[in-house]
Amino acid sequence: MTTIGFIRHGSTEWNRLGKLQGQLDTDLTEEGREQARLLGMRLAKEDWAGIISSDLTRAKETAQIVSELSGIPFLHTDRRLRERKYGLVEGTTAAEREERWGADWKLQELGQESDGDLWKRWSELEGELIQNYPTSKILLISHGGFIVQILRVLKMNHEDFLQNTSLTILLRQDEAWELQLYNCLAHLQ
């Protein structure tokens, strides 16, 4: 039984400003580092085999901090865990997107990665995780848009927004994923 813990990276300055980051590389803020430290202390009390992270700095730094404080090995980064590519809208706020492209900007071709391409990335990685960790618990540190889309396709999405450093746990049973925990922030309370 493979268990996956999806973690959204810690807070960034662009999160605070409401800018869509996509695959642009941004750093954690001190608040984001503190969120990761608190998460690492929480996970030190749990039994996880390893951490795999997106290669973008905000996720990788979250993974390094969590690994250091929890003792869970940081196995490697994987580009397939990157945030969805948003094309021309990366680096813009909601107001800037509406001003430049109108209220229906999401329906326009602005270089966004398709749902199908994102799902293909996940499907490849998912197969490897099931094969390489058939009875293990693995943490995947990624990005809100990526995780939400995976959960939506798996018909497990409760809302369109995951909090920074939230933990969502999926358990693989009988060829299907079961949602065990969603958007949990117990470590921040």
N, C-alpha and C. Protein backbone atom coordinates (compact mmCIF):
# COMPACT_ATOMS: atom_id res chain seq x y z
N MET A 1 0.84 -1.19 0.00
CA MET A 1 0.00 0.00 0.00
C MET A 1 0.88 1.26 0.00
N THR A 2 0.91 1.97 -1.09
CA THR A 2 1.66 3.22 -1.17
C THR A 2 0.83 4.33 -0.52
N THR A 3 1.50 5.14 0.28
CA THR A 3 0.86 6.32 0.87
C THR A 3 1.66 7.54 0.41
N ILE A 4 0.94 8.54 -0.07
CA ILE A 4 1.57 9.79 -0.50
C ILE A 4 1.06 10.93 0.37
N GLY A 5 1.99 11.72 0.85
CA GLY A 5 1.65 12.95 1.54
C GLY A 5 2.01 14.12 0.64
N PHE A 6 1.01 14.78 0.07
CA PHE A 6 1.25 15.97 -0.73
C PHE A 6 1.40 17.17 0.21
N ILE A 7 2.45 17.94 0.02
CA ILE A 7 2.67 19.16 0.80
C ILE A 7 2.84 20.32 -0.17
N ARG A 8 2.10 21.38 0.06
CA ARG A 8 2.33 22.61 -0.70
C ARG A 8 3.49 23.34 -0.05
N HIS A 9 4.36 23.91 -0.84
CA HIS A 9 5.54 24.64 -0.34
C HIS A 9 5.16 25.76 0.63
N GLY A 10 6.13 26.27 1.36
CA GLY A 10 5.92 27.40 2.27
C GLY A 10 5.66 28.71 1.53
N SER A 11 5.26 29.72 2.27
CA SER A 11 4.88 31.02 1.70
C SER A 11 6.03 31.74 1.02
N THR A 12 5.67 32.46 -0.03
CA THR A 12 6.62 33.30 -0.77
C THR A 12 6.10 34.74 -0.78
N GLU A 13 6.94 35.64 -1.20
CA GLU A 13 6.52 37.04 -1.33
C GLU A 13 5.42 37.16 -2.38
N TRP A 14 5.51 36.39 -3.44
CA TRP A 14 4.49 36.44 -4.49
C TRP A 14 3.16 35.89 -3.99
N ASN A 15 3.17 34.91 -3.07
CA ASN A 15 1.91 34.48 -2.45
C ASN A 15 1.26 35.66 -1.76
N ARG A 16 2.06 36.41 -1.00
CA ARG A 16 1.54 37.55 -0.25
C ARG A 16 0.98 38.62 -1.19
N LEU A 17 1.62 38.82 -2.32
CA LEU A 17 1.20 39.83 -3.29
C LEU A 17 0.08 39.35 -4.21
N GLY A 18 -0.25 38.07 -4.16
CA GLY A 18 -1.30 37.52 -5.01
C GLY A 18 -0.87 37.32 -6.45
N LYS A 19 0.44 37.15 -6.68
CA LYS A 19 0.95 36.93 -8.03
C LYS A 19 0.97 35.44 -8.36
N LEU A 20 0.58 35.13 -9.57
CA LEU A 20 0.61 33.75 -10.04
C LEU A 20 2.06 33.38 -10.37
N GLN A 21 2.60 32.40 -9.64
CA GLN A 21 4.01 32.06 -9.80
C GLN A 21 4.26 31.09 -10.94
N GLY A 22 3.40 30.09 -11.07
CA GLY A 22 3.62 29.09 -12.11
C GLY A 22 4.99 28.48 -11.97
N GLN A 23 5.72 28.41 -13.09
CA GLN A 23 7.04 27.79 -13.07
C GLN A 23 8.16 28.80 -12.93
N LEU A 24 7.82 30.07 -12.64
CA LEU A 24 8.86 31.03 -12.31
C LEU A 24 9.42 30.67 -10.94
N ASP A 25 10.72 30.85 -10.77
CA ASP A 25 11.38 30.41 -9.54
C ASP A 25 11.41 31.55 -8.52
N THR A 26 10.77 31.32 -7.38
CA THR A 26 10.73 32.31 -6.31
C THR A 26 11.18 31.66 -5.00
N ASP A 27 11.62 32.50 -4.08
CA ASP A 27 12.15 32.03 -2.79
C ASP A 27 11.08 32.06 -1.71
N LEU A 28 11.31 31.28 -0.67
CA LEU A 28 10.46 31.36 0.52
C LEU A 28 10.72 32.66 1.25
N THR A 29 9.72 33.16 1.93
CA THR A 29 9.91 34.27 2.86
C THR A 29 10.31 33.68 4.21
N GLU A 30 10.64 34.52 5.16
CA GLU A 30 10.95 34.01 6.49
C GLU A 30 9.73 33.31 7.09
N GLU A 31 8.53 33.82 6.78
CA GLU A 31 7.31 33.15 7.23
C GLU A 31 7.22 31.75 6.63
N GLY A 32 7.55 31.61 5.35
CA GLY A 32 7.54 30.31 4.68
C GLY A 32 8.54 29.34 5.30
N ARG A 33 9.70 29.86 5.67
CA ARG A 33 10.70 29.01 6.33
C ARG A 33 10.21 28.56 7.70
N GLU A 34 9.55 29.45 8.42
CA GLU A 34 9.01 29.08 9.73
C GLU A 34 7.90 28.04 9.58
N GLN A 35 7.05 28.19 8.57
CA GLN A 35 6.01 27.18 8.31
C GLN A 35 6.66 25.81 8.07
N ALA A 36 7.74 25.80 7.28
CA ALA A 36 8.44 24.55 6.98
C ALA A 36 9.07 23.96 8.24
N ARG A 37 9.63 24.81 9.09
CA ARG A 37 10.22 24.32 10.36
C ARG A 37 9.15 23.67 11.23
N LEU A 38 8.01 24.32 11.35
CA LEU A 38 6.93 23.76 12.17
C LEU A 38 6.42 22.44 11.58
N LEU A 39 6.33 22.37 10.25
CA LEU A 39 5.93 21.14 9.60
C LEU A 39 6.96 20.04 9.84
N GLY A 40 8.23 20.38 9.75
CA GLY A 40 9.29 19.40 10.00
C GLY A 40 9.22 18.83 11.41
N MET A 41 8.95 19.69 12.40
CA MET A 41 8.82 19.21 13.78
C MET A 41 7.62 18.28 13.92
N ARG A 42 6.53 18.60 13.24
CA ARG A 42 5.34 17.74 13.28
C ARG A 42 5.65 16.37 12.67
N LEU A 43 6.30 16.38 11.49
CA LEU A 43 6.55 15.14 10.77
C LEU A 43 7.61 14.27 11.43
N ALA A 44 8.41 14.85 12.32
CA ALA A 44 9.40 14.06 13.06
C ALA A 44 8.73 12.99 13.91
N LYS A 45 7.47 13.20 14.23
CA LYS A 45 6.72 12.25 15.06
C LYS A 45 5.97 11.22 14.21
N GLU A 46 6.12 11.30 12.90
CA GLU A 46 5.42 10.40 12.00
C GLU A 46 6.42 9.53 11.24
N ASP A 47 5.92 8.50 10.61
CA ASP A 47 6.76 7.51 9.95
C ASP A 47 6.69 7.66 8.43
N TRP A 48 7.58 8.47 7.86
CA TRP A 48 7.64 8.66 6.41
C TRP A 48 9.00 8.16 5.92
N ALA A 49 9.02 7.51 4.76
CA ALA A 49 10.25 6.90 4.24
C ALA A 49 11.16 7.91 3.53
N GLY A 50 10.59 8.96 2.96
CA GLY A 50 11.42 9.91 2.23
C GLY A 50 10.62 11.06 1.66
N ILE A 51 11.37 12.04 1.15
CA ILE A 51 10.80 13.26 0.57
C ILE A 51 11.30 13.39 -0.86
N ILE A 52 10.36 13.65 -1.77
CA ILE A 52 10.68 14.02 -3.15
C ILE A 52 10.05 15.38 -3.37
N SER A 53 10.80 16.28 -4.00
CA SER A 53 10.33 17.65 -4.14
C SER A 53 10.39 18.12 -5.59
N SER A 54 9.53 19.07 -5.91
CA SER A 54 9.67 19.85 -7.13
C SER A 54 11.07 20.46 -7.12
N ASP A 55 11.61 20.72 -8.31
CA ASP A 55 12.94 21.33 -8.38
C ASP A 55 12.91 22.85 -8.27
N LEU A 56 11.72 23.45 -8.17
CA LEU A 56 11.66 24.90 -8.00
C LEU A 56 12.06 25.27 -6.58
N THR A 57 12.77 26.38 -6.43
CA THR A 57 13.40 26.76 -5.17
C THR A 57 12.45 26.75 -3.99
N ARG A 58 11.25 27.28 -4.15
CA ARG A 58 10.33 27.38 -3.01
C ARG A 58 9.95 26.00 -2.46
N ALA A 59 9.83 25.01 -3.33
CA ALA A 59 9.50 23.65 -2.90
C ALA A 59 10.75 22.95 -2.37
N LYS A 60 11.87 23.11 -3.07
CA LYS A 60 13.10 22.45 -2.67
C LYS A 60 13.57 22.93 -1.30
N GLU A 61 13.50 24.24 -1.05
CA GLU A 61 13.89 24.76 0.26
C GLU A 61 12.95 24.26 1.34
N THR A 62 11.65 24.19 1.06
CA THR A 62 10.70 23.62 2.01
C THR A 62 11.12 22.19 2.34
N ALA A 63 11.45 21.41 1.32
CA ALA A 63 11.86 20.00 1.51
C ALA A 63 13.12 19.90 2.36
N GLN A 64 14.09 20.76 2.11
CA GLN A 64 15.35 20.72 2.86
C GLN A 64 15.12 21.02 4.34
N ILE A 65 14.30 22.01 4.62
CA ILE A 65 14.01 22.37 6.01
C ILE A 65 13.24 21.24 6.70
N VAL A 66 12.22 20.72 6.04
CA VAL A 66 11.43 19.62 6.61
C VAL A 66 12.32 18.41 6.88
N SER A 67 13.18 18.08 5.93
CA SER A 67 14.07 16.93 6.08
C SER A 67 15.01 17.11 7.27
N GLU A 68 15.60 18.28 7.36
CA GLU A 68 16.56 18.57 8.44
C GLU A 68 15.90 18.44 9.82
N LEU A 69 14.71 18.96 9.97
CA LEU A 69 14.06 18.96 11.28
C LEU A 69 13.32 17.66 11.60
N SER A 70 12.94 16.92 10.58
CA SER A 70 12.18 15.68 10.83
C SER A 70 13.05 14.44 10.82
N GLY A 71 14.21 14.53 10.18
CA GLY A 71 15.04 13.35 10.01
C GLY A 71 14.59 12.46 8.85
N ILE A 72 13.59 12.90 8.11
CA ILE A 72 13.12 12.14 6.94
C ILE A 72 14.08 12.43 5.78
N PRO A 73 14.63 11.39 5.14
CA PRO A 73 15.59 11.64 4.06
C PRO A 73 14.98 12.40 2.88
N PHE A 74 15.74 13.40 2.40
CA PHE A 74 15.37 14.12 1.18
C PHE A 74 15.97 13.32 0.04
N LEU A 75 15.13 12.60 -0.69
CA LEU A 75 15.59 11.66 -1.70
C LEU A 75 16.10 12.36 -2.96
N HIS A 76 15.28 13.24 -3.53
CA HIS A 76 15.69 13.95 -4.75
C HIS A 76 14.59 14.93 -5.17
N THR A 77 14.92 15.75 -6.19
CA THR A 77 13.92 16.61 -6.80
C THR A 77 13.42 15.93 -8.07
N ASP A 78 12.25 16.36 -8.52
CA ASP A 78 11.67 15.80 -9.74
C ASP A 78 10.89 16.91 -10.44
N ARG A 79 11.26 17.22 -11.66
CA ARG A 79 10.62 18.29 -12.44
C ARG A 79 9.13 18.04 -12.65
N ARG A 80 8.71 16.79 -12.59
CA ARG A 80 7.29 16.49 -12.81
C ARG A 80 6.41 16.99 -11.68
N LEU A 81 6.99 17.37 -10.55
CA LEU A 81 6.23 17.94 -9.43
C LEU A 81 6.13 19.46 -9.51
N ARG A 82 6.65 20.05 -10.57
CA ARG A 82 6.58 21.50 -10.73
C ARG A 82 5.13 21.98 -10.80
N GLU A 83 4.97 23.26 -10.49
CA GLU A 83 3.66 23.90 -10.65
C GLU A 83 3.27 23.87 -12.13
N ARG A 84 1.97 23.99 -12.36
CA ARG A 84 1.46 24.12 -13.73
C ARG A 84 2.13 25.34 -14.37
N LYS A 85 2.45 25.22 -15.65
CA LYS A 85 2.97 26.36 -16.40
C LYS A 85 1.78 27.24 -16.78
N TYR A 86 1.86 28.52 -16.44
CA TYR A 86 0.75 29.44 -16.73
C TYR A 86 1.07 30.39 -17.88
N GLY A 87 2.21 30.25 -18.51
CA GLY A 87 2.54 31.04 -19.69
C GLY A 87 2.61 32.53 -19.42
N LEU A 88 1.94 33.32 -20.25
CA LEU A 88 2.03 34.79 -20.19
C LEU A 88 1.51 35.37 -18.88
N VAL A 89 0.66 34.65 -18.16
CA VAL A 89 0.07 35.22 -16.95
C VAL A 89 0.96 35.03 -15.71
N GLU A 90 2.06 34.28 -15.85
CA GLU A 90 2.96 34.10 -14.71
C GLU A 90 3.53 35.46 -14.29
N GLY A 91 3.54 35.70 -12.99
CA GLY A 91 4.06 36.95 -12.45
C GLY A 91 3.04 38.07 -12.37
N THR A 92 1.77 37.78 -12.67
CA THR A 92 0.73 38.82 -12.63
C THR A 92 -0.26 38.57 -11.50
N THR A 93 -0.89 39.64 -11.06
CA THR A 93 -1.96 39.55 -10.07
C THR A 93 -3.29 39.37 -10.80
N ALA A 94 -4.34 39.05 -10.06
CA ALA A 94 -5.67 38.89 -10.66
C ALA A 94 -6.10 40.18 -11.37
N ALA A 95 -5.84 41.32 -10.73
CA ALA A 95 -6.23 42.60 -11.34
C ALA A 95 -5.46 42.84 -12.64
N GLU A 96 -4.17 42.51 -12.65
CA GLU A 96 -3.38 42.69 -13.87
C GLU A 96 -3.85 41.76 -14.98
N ARG A 97 -4.22 40.54 -14.65
CA ARG A 97 -4.71 39.60 -15.67
C ARG A 97 -6.01 40.11 -16.29
N GLU A 98 -6.92 40.58 -15.45
CA GLU A 98 -8.20 41.10 -15.98
C GLU A 98 -7.97 42.33 -16.84
N GLU A 99 -7.05 43.21 -16.40
CA GLU A 99 -6.78 44.43 -17.16
C GLU A 99 -6.19 44.10 -18.53
N ARG A 100 -5.26 43.14 -18.60
CA ARG A 100 -4.58 42.81 -19.85
C ARG A 100 -5.41 41.93 -20.78
N TRP A 101 -6.10 40.92 -20.20
CA TRP A 101 -6.74 39.91 -21.04
C TRP A 101 -8.24 39.77 -20.81
N GLY A 102 -8.80 40.53 -19.88
CA GLY A 102 -10.23 40.47 -19.62
C GLY A 102 -10.59 39.40 -18.59
N ALA A 103 -11.84 39.40 -18.19
CA ALA A 103 -12.32 38.51 -17.13
C ALA A 103 -12.26 37.04 -17.53
N ASP A 104 -12.28 36.76 -18.84
CA ASP A 104 -12.25 35.37 -19.29
C ASP A 104 -10.84 34.92 -19.67
N TRP A 105 -9.81 35.49 -19.05
CA TRP A 105 -8.42 35.18 -19.39
C TRP A 105 -8.14 33.68 -19.32
N LYS A 106 -8.81 32.95 -18.41
CA LYS A 106 -8.56 31.50 -18.28
C LYS A 106 -8.98 30.73 -19.53
N LEU A 107 -9.88 31.30 -20.30
CA LEU A 107 -10.38 30.63 -21.50
C LEU A 107 -9.54 30.93 -22.73
N GLN A 108 -8.59 31.83 -22.60
CA GLN A 108 -7.75 32.23 -23.73
C GLN A 108 -6.48 31.39 -23.78
N GLU A 109 -5.90 31.29 -24.97
CA GLU A 109 -4.63 30.58 -25.15
C GLU A 109 -3.50 31.56 -24.85
N LEU A 110 -2.97 31.44 -23.64
CA LEU A 110 -1.90 32.35 -23.20
C LEU A 110 -0.64 31.56 -22.81
N GLY A 111 -0.53 30.35 -23.33
CA GLY A 111 0.66 29.53 -23.06
C GLY A 111 0.54 28.65 -21.83
N GLN A 112 -0.68 28.47 -21.31
CA GLN A 112 -0.87 27.64 -20.13
C GLN A 112 -0.68 26.16 -20.48
N GLU A 113 -0.16 25.41 -19.51
CA GLU A 113 -0.07 23.96 -19.64
C GLU A 113 -1.48 23.38 -19.57
N SER A 114 -1.77 22.46 -20.44
CA SER A 114 -3.11 21.86 -20.46
C SER A 114 -3.29 20.89 -19.30
N ASP A 115 -4.56 20.64 -18.96
CA ASP A 115 -4.86 19.64 -17.93
C ASP A 115 -4.28 18.29 -18.33
N GLY A 116 -4.37 17.95 -19.62
CA GLY A 116 -3.86 16.67 -20.10
C GLY A 116 -2.36 16.54 -19.93
N ASP A 117 -1.62 17.61 -20.22
CA ASP A 117 -0.16 17.57 -20.05
C ASP A 117 0.22 17.46 -18.58
N LEU A 118 -0.49 18.17 -17.73
CA LEU A 118 -0.23 18.08 -16.29
C LEU A 118 -0.53 16.66 -15.80
N TRP A 119 -1.65 16.10 -16.24
CA TRP A 119 -2.02 14.74 -15.83
C TRP A 119 -0.99 13.72 -16.32
N LYS A 120 -0.46 13.94 -17.52
CA LYS A 120 0.57 13.03 -18.05
C LYS A 120 1.80 13.05 -17.15
N ARG A 121 2.23 14.23 -16.73
CA ARG A 121 3.38 14.33 -15.81
C ARG A 121 3.11 13.52 -14.55
N TRP A 122 1.91 13.72 -13.97
CA TRP A 122 1.57 13.01 -12.75
C TRP A 122 1.49 11.50 -12.98
N SER A 123 0.87 11.07 -14.04
CA SER A 123 0.70 9.64 -14.30
C SER A 123 2.03 8.90 -14.40
N GLU A 124 3.01 9.54 -15.05
CA GLU A 124 4.35 8.94 -15.14
C GLU A 124 4.96 8.80 -13.75
N LEU A 125 4.89 9.86 -12.98
CA LEU A 125 5.47 9.84 -11.63
C LEU A 125 4.71 8.87 -10.73
N GLU A 126 3.40 8.88 -10.82
CA GLU A 126 2.57 7.99 -10.00
C GLU A 126 2.96 6.53 -10.22
N GLY A 127 3.13 6.13 -11.48
CA GLY A 127 3.52 4.76 -11.78
C GLY A 127 4.85 4.39 -11.14
N GLU A 128 5.81 5.31 -11.19
CA GLU A 128 7.11 5.06 -10.57
C GLU A 128 7.00 4.96 -9.05
N LEU A 129 6.19 5.81 -8.46
CA LEU A 129 6.03 5.77 -7.01
C LEU A 129 5.42 4.44 -6.56
N ILE A 130 4.39 4.00 -7.25
CA ILE A 130 3.73 2.74 -6.90
C ILE A 130 4.70 1.57 -7.06
N GLN A 131 5.51 1.62 -8.12
CA GLN A 131 6.47 0.54 -8.36
C GLN A 131 7.62 0.58 -7.36
N ASN A 132 8.18 1.77 -7.10
CA ASN A 132 9.38 1.88 -6.26
C ASN A 132 9.09 1.90 -4.77
N TYR A 133 7.87 2.27 -4.38
CA TYR A 133 7.52 2.38 -2.96
C TYR A 133 6.18 1.69 -2.70
N PRO A 134 6.07 0.40 -2.99
CA PRO A 134 4.77 -0.28 -2.91
C PRO A 134 4.18 -0.36 -1.51
N THR A 135 5.01 -0.26 -0.49
CA THR A 135 4.50 -0.34 0.89
C THR A 135 5.02 0.81 1.74
N SER A 136 5.44 1.89 1.10
CA SER A 136 6.06 3.00 1.82
C SER A 136 5.17 4.24 1.86
N LYS A 137 5.56 5.15 2.75
CA LYS A 137 4.91 6.45 2.87
C LYS A 137 5.90 7.50 2.38
N ILE A 138 5.54 8.19 1.29
CA ILE A 138 6.42 9.15 0.65
C ILE A 138 5.79 10.54 0.67
N LEU A 139 6.59 11.54 1.03
CA LEU A 139 6.13 12.93 0.99
C LEU A 139 6.52 13.55 -0.34
N LEU A 140 5.59 14.23 -0.98
CA LEU A 140 5.83 14.94 -2.23
C LEU A 140 5.59 16.43 -1.98
N ILE A 141 6.65 17.22 -2.10
CA ILE A 141 6.51 18.66 -1.87
C ILE A 141 6.39 19.33 -3.22
N SER A 142 5.24 19.98 -3.43
CA SER A 142 4.90 20.50 -4.73
C SER A 142 4.22 21.87 -4.60
N HIS A 143 3.23 22.11 -5.43
CA HIS A 143 2.63 23.43 -5.58
C HIS A 143 1.10 23.31 -5.61
N GLY A 144 0.43 24.36 -5.16
CA GLY A 144 -1.01 24.34 -5.02
C GLY A 144 -1.77 24.00 -6.28
N GLY A 145 -1.45 24.65 -7.39
CA GLY A 145 -2.18 24.40 -8.64
C GLY A 145 -1.99 22.97 -9.12
N PHE A 146 -0.80 22.44 -8.97
CA PHE A 146 -0.52 21.06 -9.38
C PHE A 146 -1.31 20.08 -8.53
N ILE A 147 -1.21 20.22 -7.20
CA ILE A 147 -1.88 19.28 -6.30
C ILE A 147 -3.39 19.34 -6.48
N VAL A 148 -3.95 20.54 -6.55
CA VAL A 148 -5.40 20.70 -6.69
C VAL A 148 -5.89 20.02 -7.96
N GLN A 149 -5.15 20.16 -9.07
CA GLN A 149 -5.57 19.53 -10.32
C GLN A 149 -5.53 18.01 -10.21
N ILE A 150 -4.51 17.45 -9.57
CA ILE A 150 -4.43 16.00 -9.38
C ILE A 150 -5.63 15.54 -8.56
N LEU A 151 -5.91 16.23 -7.46
CA LEU A 151 -7.04 15.85 -6.61
C LEU A 151 -8.37 15.98 -7.36
N ARG A 152 -8.48 17.00 -8.20
CA ARG A 152 -9.72 17.21 -8.98
C ARG A 152 -9.95 16.02 -9.92
N VAL A 153 -8.91 15.60 -10.63
CA VAL A 153 -9.04 14.49 -11.57
C VAL A 153 -9.34 13.19 -10.82
N LEU A 154 -8.76 13.04 -9.63
CA LEU A 154 -9.04 11.85 -8.81
C LEU A 154 -10.38 11.96 -8.09
N LYS A 155 -11.09 13.05 -8.33
CA LYS A 155 -12.40 13.32 -7.73
C LYS A 155 -12.34 13.40 -6.21
N MET A 156 -11.28 14.08 -5.72
CA MET A 156 -11.08 14.24 -4.28
C MET A 156 -10.97 15.70 -3.87
N ASN A 157 -11.21 16.60 -4.76
CA ASN A 157 -11.01 18.01 -4.44
C ASN A 157 -12.19 18.58 -3.66
N HIS A 158 -11.89 19.25 -2.58
CA HIS A 158 -12.92 19.88 -1.76
C HIS A 158 -13.01 21.38 -2.02
N GLU A 159 -11.94 21.97 -2.47
CA GLU A 159 -11.90 23.40 -2.74
C GLU A 159 -10.78 23.66 -3.73
N ASP A 160 -10.66 24.87 -4.20
CA ASP A 160 -9.65 25.18 -5.21
C ASP A 160 -8.38 25.76 -4.63
N PHE A 161 -8.20 25.75 -3.33
CA PHE A 161 -7.04 26.40 -2.75
C PHE A 161 -6.47 25.57 -1.61
N LEU A 162 -5.19 25.31 -1.66
CA LEU A 162 -4.49 24.64 -0.56
C LEU A 162 -3.60 25.66 0.14
N GLN A 163 -3.58 25.61 1.44
CA GLN A 163 -2.75 26.52 2.24
C GLN A 163 -1.27 26.14 2.13
N ASN A 164 -0.40 27.12 2.31
CA ASN A 164 1.04 26.86 2.31
C ASN A 164 1.41 25.91 3.44
N THR A 165 2.20 24.92 3.12
CA THR A 165 2.67 23.81 3.97
C THR A 165 1.55 22.90 4.46
N SER A 166 0.40 22.94 3.80
CA SER A 166 -0.66 22.00 4.18
C SER A 166 -0.28 20.60 3.77
N LEU A 167 -0.80 19.63 4.51
CA LEU A 167 -0.55 18.22 4.26
C LEU A 167 -1.84 17.55 3.81
N THR A 168 -1.79 16.86 2.68
CA THR A 168 -2.91 16.09 2.14
C THR A 168 -2.40 14.68 1.92
N ILE A 169 -3.07 13.70 2.49
CA ILE A 169 -2.57 12.31 2.42
C ILE A 169 -3.51 11.44 1.60
N LEU A 170 -2.92 10.70 0.66
CA LEU A 170 -3.63 9.73 -0.17
C LEU A 170 -3.06 8.34 0.09
N LEU A 171 -3.93 7.36 0.20
CA LEU A 171 -3.56 5.96 0.42
C LEU A 171 -4.03 5.16 -0.78
N ARG A 172 -3.14 4.35 -1.35
CA ARG A 172 -3.48 3.52 -2.52
C ARG A 172 -3.97 2.16 -2.04
N GLN A 173 -5.23 1.86 -2.35
CA GLN A 173 -5.83 0.58 -1.97
C GLN A 173 -6.66 0.08 -3.14
N ASP A 174 -6.54 -1.21 -3.43
CA ASP A 174 -7.35 -1.83 -4.49
C ASP A 174 -7.33 -1.02 -5.79
N GLU A 175 -6.12 -0.63 -6.22
CA GLU A 175 -5.93 0.07 -7.49
C GLU A 175 -6.54 1.48 -7.53
N ALA A 176 -6.89 2.02 -6.39
CA ALA A 176 -7.46 3.38 -6.35
C ALA A 176 -6.89 4.14 -5.16
N TRP A 177 -6.93 5.46 -5.25
CA TRP A 177 -6.46 6.32 -4.17
C TRP A 177 -7.64 6.68 -3.27
N GLU A 178 -7.38 6.68 -1.96
CA GLU A 178 -8.36 7.13 -0.97
C GLU A 178 -7.79 8.35 -0.26
N LEU A 179 -8.62 9.35 -0.08
CA LEU A 179 -8.21 10.56 0.63
C LEU A 179 -8.28 10.31 2.13
N GLN A 180 -7.13 10.45 2.82
CA GLN A 180 -7.05 10.22 4.25
C GLN A 180 -7.06 11.53 5.06
N LEU A 181 -6.48 12.58 4.48
CA LEU A 181 -6.34 13.87 5.17
C LEU A 181 -6.29 14.95 4.10
N TYR A 182 -6.93 16.10 4.36
CA TYR A 182 -6.99 17.14 3.34
C TYR A 182 -6.63 18.50 3.91
N ASN A 183 -5.62 19.16 3.29
CA ASN A 183 -5.30 20.56 3.57
C ASN A 183 -5.08 20.80 5.07
N CYS A 184 -4.39 19.87 5.74
CA CYS A 184 -4.21 19.93 7.19
C CYS A 184 -3.07 20.88 7.57
N LEU A 185 -3.39 21.76 8.53
CA LEU A 185 -2.43 22.74 9.02
C LEU A 185 -2.24 22.64 10.54
N ALA A 186 -2.40 21.44 11.09
CA ALA A 186 -2.29 21.26 12.54
C ALA A 186 -0.97 21.80 13.08
N HIS A 187 0.10 21.72 12.30
CA HIS A 187 1.43 22.18 12.74
C HIS A 187 1.52 23.71 12.90
N LEU A 188 0.60 24.45 12.31
CA LEU A 188 0.63 25.91 12.41
C LEU A 188 -0.25 26.45 13.52
N GLN A 189 -0.98 25.57 14.21
CA GLN A 189 -1.92 26.04 15.22
C GLN A 189 -1.36 25.92 16.62
